[in-house]
Amino acid sequence: MVKTKVFLICLSVMIVLFSAVAASHMYTMERAIARSIFADVLDDMQDIGYLDPALADYYRQKMAELGWDVTGDVFAGSWPQTEQQRALKERNEMVTLTLIVRPSRVAQWLNQFAEGNAAFLFTGSRPSEYFDPGW
């Protein structure tokens, strides 16, 4: 009887540890993917001087394919968002990107524990690299 109890306790500890490691790995991978999407969009914004709607739609689709909730405005707070407001290098203007992603439920729980917020939030600014051809 004692051997059975010890076996069940060891088995449950192994299952809990394996589940914790798997959840931690999944959280780390999802956060890294979100960070790489943020870096890619910010690089593209820096090159063209604004957040192109086609570019935003492309990355929204990629995030939706990952199973993330993109029903809200994931690029809220990003500036500039129109071609008429394009940031120019010759005027030393900046582009700012804010990305808010709601990942999978397990990643949300772990991010709530680690960061105090269920969503991944990335924000950053860089100087624009876009030169106006008429300059």
C-alpha atoms as a PDB file:
ATOM      1  CA  MET A   1       0.000   0.000   0.000  1.00  0.00           C
ATOM      2  CA  VAL A   2       2.860   2.383   0.828  1.00  0.00           C
ATOM      3  CA  LYS A   3       4.572   1.664  -2.500  1.00  0.00           C
ATOM      4  CA  THR A   4       1.391   2.570  -4.372  1.00  0.00           C
ATOM      5  CA  LYS A   5       1.092   5.891  -2.552  1.00  0.00           C
ATOM      6  CA  VAL A   6       4.739   6.743  -3.180  1.00  0.00           C
ATOM      7  CA  PHE A   7       4.353   5.801  -6.839  1.00  0.00           C
ATOM      8  CA  LEU A   8       1.243   7.979  -7.248  1.00  0.00           C
ATOM      9  CA  ILE A   9       2.898  10.921  -5.514  1.00  0.00           C
ATOM     10  CA  CYS A  10       6.004  10.631  -7.717  1.00  0.00           C
ATOM     11  CA  LEU A  11       3.874  10.269 -10.826  1.00  0.00           C
ATOM     12  CA  SER A  12       1.786  13.350  -9.985  1.00  0.00           C
ATOM     13  CA  VAL A  13       4.937  15.391  -9.252  1.00  0.00           C
ATOM     14  CA  MET A  14       6.417  14.371 -12.601  1.00  0.00           C
ATOM     15  CA  ILE A  15       3.203  15.313 -14.427  1.00  0.00           C
ATOM     16  CA  VAL A  16       3.055  18.699 -12.689  1.00  0.00           C
ATOM     17  CA  LEU A  17       6.720  19.439 -13.468  1.00  0.00           C
ATOM     18  CA  PHE A  18       6.367  18.369 -17.094  1.00  0.00           C
ATOM     19  CA  SER A  19       3.249  20.519 -17.500  1.00  0.00           C
ATOM     20  CA  ALA A  20       4.987  23.532 -15.935  1.00  0.00           C
ATOM     21  CA  VAL A  21       7.995  23.182 -18.228  1.00  0.00           C
ATOM     22  CA  ALA A  22       5.771  22.783 -21.299  1.00  0.00           C
ATOM     23  CA  ALA A  23       3.663  25.832 -20.362  1.00  0.00           C
ATOM     24  CA  SER A  24       6.780  27.904 -19.730  1.00  0.00           C
ATOM     25  CA  HIS A  25       8.241  26.882 -23.081  1.00  0.00           C
ATOM     26  CA  MET A  26       5.001  27.724 -24.880  1.00  0.00           C
ATOM     27  CA  TYR A  27       4.855  31.139 -23.181  1.00  0.00           C
ATOM     28  CA  THR A  28       8.458  31.882 -24.115  1.00  0.00           C
ATOM     29  CA  MET A  29       7.907  30.865 -27.738  1.00  0.00           C
ATOM     30  CA  GLU A  30       4.723  32.923 -28.120  1.00  0.00           C
ATOM     31  CA  ARG A  31       6.359  35.979 -26.587  1.00  0.00           C
ATOM     32  CA  ALA A  32       9.356  35.587 -28.903  1.00  0.00           C
ATOM     33  CA  ILE A  33       7.077  35.301 -31.946  1.00  0.00           C
ATOM     34  CA  ALA A  34       5.154  38.424 -30.894  1.00  0.00           C
ATOM     35  CA  ARG A  35       8.429  40.290 -30.328  1.00  0.00           C
ATOM     36  CA  SER A  36       9.712  39.263 -33.774  1.00  0.00           C
ATOM     37  CA  ILE A  37       6.486  40.478 -35.409  1.00  0.00           C
ATOM     38  CA  PHE A  38       6.894  43.766 -33.532  1.00  0.00           C
ATOM     39  CA  ALA A  39      10.490  44.109 -34.762  1.00  0.00           C
ATOM     40  CA  ASP A  40       9.523  43.287 -38.363  1.00  0.00           C
ATOM     41  CA  VAL A  41       6.686  45.818 -38.438  1.00  0.00           C
ATOM     42  CA  LEU A  42       8.862  48.504 -36.836  1.00  0.00           C
ATOM     43  CA  ASP A  43      11.624  47.867 -39.408  1.00  0.00           C
ATOM     44  CA  ASP A  44       9.108  48.190 -42.237  1.00  0.00           C
ATOM     45  CA  MET A  45       7.617  51.334 -40.691  1.00  0.00           C
ATOM     46  CA  GLN A  46      11.071  52.835 -40.374  1.00  0.00           C
ATOM     47  CA  ASP A  47      11.748  52.177 -44.072  1.00  0.00           C
ATOM     48  CA  ILE A  48       8.491  53.633 -45.436  1.00  0.00           C
ATOM     49  CA  GLY A  49       7.835  56.299 -42.787  1.00  0.00           C
ATOM     50  CA  TYR A  50       4.355  55.170 -41.714  1.00  0.00           C
ATOM     51  CA  LEU A  51       2.251  52.093 -40.892  1.00  0.00           C
ATOM     52  CA  ASP A  52       0.833  51.014 -44.233  1.00  0.00           C
ATOM     53  CA  PRO A  53      -2.687  49.526 -43.882  1.00  0.00           C
ATOM     54  CA  ALA A  54      -1.754  46.611 -46.173  1.00  0.00           C
ATOM     55  CA  LEU A  55       1.258  45.856 -43.969  1.00  0.00           C
ATOM     56  CA  ALA A  56      -0.909  46.006 -40.837  1.00  0.00           C
ATOM     57  CA  ASP A  57      -3.479  43.667 -42.422  1.00  0.00           C
ATOM     58  CA  TYR A  58      -0.754  41.215 -43.440  1.00  0.00           C
ATOM     59  CA  TYR A  59       0.586  40.975 -39.882  1.00  0.00           C
ATOM     60  CA  ARG A  60      -2.932  40.812 -38.402  1.00  0.00           C
ATOM     61  CA  GLN A  61      -3.575  37.820 -40.645  1.00  0.00           C
ATOM     62  CA  LYS A  62      -0.310  36.168 -39.525  1.00  0.00           C
ATOM     63  CA  MET A  63      -1.276  36.685 -35.872  1.00  0.00           C
ATOM     64  CA  ALA A  64      -4.781  35.336 -36.502  1.00  0.00           C
ATOM     65  CA  GLU A  65      -3.237  32.218 -38.073  1.00  0.00           C
ATOM     66  CA  LEU A  66      -1.343  31.705 -34.806  1.00  0.00           C
ATOM     67  CA  GLY A  67      -4.697  31.677 -32.998  1.00  0.00           C
ATOM     68  CA  TRP A  68      -4.278  35.041 -31.308  1.00  0.00           C
ATOM     69  CA  ASP A  69      -7.169  37.441 -30.746  1.00  0.00           C
ATOM     70  CA  VAL A  70      -6.790  40.285 -33.260  1.00  0.00           C
ATOM     71  CA  THR A  71     -10.386  41.537 -33.218  1.00  0.00           C
ATOM     72  CA  GLY A  72      -9.370  44.841 -31.633  1.00  0.00           C
ATOM     73  CA  ASP A  73      -6.893  47.382 -32.954  1.00  0.00           C
ATOM     74  CA  VAL A  74      -3.578  45.633 -32.277  1.00  0.00           C
ATOM     75  CA  PHE A  75      -1.661  48.629 -33.629  1.00  0.00           C
ATOM     76  CA  ALA A  76      -3.470  51.276 -31.532  1.00  0.00           C
ATOM     77  CA  GLY A  77      -1.094  54.057 -30.536  1.00  0.00           C
ATOM     78  CA  SER A  78       1.157  53.621 -33.568  1.00  0.00           C
ATOM     79  CA  TRP A  79       2.049  56.786 -35.452  1.00  0.00           C
ATOM     80  CA  PRO A  80       1.958  57.809 -38.293  1.00  0.00           C
ATOM     81  CA  GLN A  81      -0.699  55.590 -39.839  1.00  0.00           C
ATOM     82  CA  THR A  82      -1.378  57.400 -43.101  1.00  0.00           C
ATOM     83  CA  GLU A  83       0.802  58.249 -46.056  1.00  0.00           C
ATOM     84  CA  GLN A  84      -0.070  61.944 -45.730  1.00  0.00           C
ATOM     85  CA  GLN A  85       1.482  62.037 -42.230  1.00  0.00           C
ATOM     86  CA  ARG A  86       4.593  60.115 -43.312  1.00  0.00           C
ATOM     87  CA  ALA A  87       7.656  60.707 -41.126  1.00  0.00           C
ATOM     88  CA  LEU A  88      10.633  61.987 -43.095  1.00  0.00           C
ATOM     89  CA  LYS A  89      14.324  61.447 -42.421  1.00  0.00           C
ATOM     90  CA  GLU A  90      15.313  64.921 -43.579  1.00  0.00           C
ATOM     91  CA  ARG A  91      13.153  66.401 -40.805  1.00  0.00           C
ATOM     92  CA  ASN A  92      14.461  63.907 -38.183  1.00  0.00           C
ATOM     93  CA  GLU A  93      10.946  62.575 -37.510  1.00  0.00           C
ATOM     94  CA  MET A  94      10.242  59.380 -35.598  1.00  0.00           C
ATOM     95  CA  VAL A  95       7.938  56.436 -36.224  1.00  0.00           C
ATOM     96  CA  THR A  96       6.269  54.889 -33.180  1.00  0.00           C
ATOM     97  CA  LEU A  97       4.814  51.401 -33.023  1.00  0.00           C
ATOM     98  CA  THR A  98       2.620  49.956 -30.302  1.00  0.00           C
ATOM     99  CA  LEU A  99       1.619  46.296 -30.583  1.00  0.00           C
ATOM    100  CA  ILE A 100      -0.942  44.724 -28.242  1.00  0.00           C
ATOM    101  CA  VAL A 101      -1.440  40.977 -28.676  1.00  0.00           C
ATOM    102  CA  ARG A 102      -3.715  38.613 -26.757  1.00  0.00           C
ATOM    103  CA  PRO A 103      -1.929  35.240 -27.007  1.00  0.00           C
ATOM    104  CA  SER A 104      -3.219  31.785 -26.106  1.00  0.00           C
ATOM    105  CA  ARG A 105      -4.916  31.295 -22.756  1.00  0.00           C
ATOM    106  CA  VAL A 106      -1.941  29.595 -21.083  1.00  0.00           C
ATOM    107  CA  ALA A 107       0.401  32.358 -22.266  1.00  0.00           C
ATOM    108  CA  GLN A 108      -2.098  34.941 -20.964  1.00  0.00           C
ATOM    109  CA  TRP A 109      -2.084  33.314 -17.515  1.00  0.00           C
ATOM    110  CA  LEU A 110       1.699  33.187 -17.365  1.00  0.00           C
ATOM    111  CA  ASN A 111       2.034  36.751 -18.661  1.00  0.00           C
ATOM    112  CA  GLN A 112      -0.499  37.904 -16.054  1.00  0.00           C
ATOM    113  CA  PHE A 113       1.686  36.276 -13.412  1.00  0.00           C
ATOM    114  CA  ALA A 114       4.966  37.631 -14.836  1.00  0.00           C
ATOM    115  CA  GLU A 115       3.983  41.075 -16.138  1.00  0.00           C
ATOM    116  CA  GLY A 116       0.649  41.840 -14.448  1.00  0.00           C
ATOM    117  CA  ASN A 117      -1.159  42.075 -17.804  1.00  0.00           C
ATOM    118  CA  ALA A 118      -2.734  39.283 -19.860  1.00  0.00           C
ATOM    119  CA  ALA A 119      -1.782  40.810 -23.223  1.00  0.00           C
ATOM    120  CA  PHE A 120       1.677  41.174 -24.685  1.00  0.00           C
ATOM    121  CA  LEU A 121       2.465  44.870 -25.051  1.00  0.00           C
ATOM    122  CA  PHE A 122       5.417  46.141 -27.068  1.00  0.00           C
ATOM    123  CA  THR A 123       6.122  49.770 -27.877  1.00  0.00           C
ATOM    124  CA  GLY A 124       9.057  51.561 -29.417  1.00  0.00           C
ATOM    125  CA  SER A 125      10.187  54.459 -31.576  1.00  0.00           C
ATOM    126  CA  ARG A 126      12.868  54.801 -34.216  1.00  0.00           C
ATOM    127  CA  PRO A 127      13.958  57.594 -36.526  1.00  0.00           C
ATOM    128  CA  SER A 128      12.387  57.377 -39.965  1.00  0.00           C
ATOM    129  CA  GLU A 129      14.627  56.261 -42.832  1.00  0.00           C
ATOM    130  CA  TYR A 130      12.265  57.481 -45.563  1.00  0.00           C
ATOM    131  CA  PHE A 131      13.589  60.175 -47.885  1.00  0.00           C
ATOM    132  CA  ASP A 132      11.061  62.176 -49.860  1.00  0.00           C
ATOM    133  CA  PRO A 133      11.956  61.690 -53.557  1.00  0.00           C
ATOM    134  CA  GLY A 134      11.253  65.360 -54.219  1.00  0.00           C
ATOM    135  CA  TRP A 135      13.658  66.563 -51.556  1.00  0.00           C
END
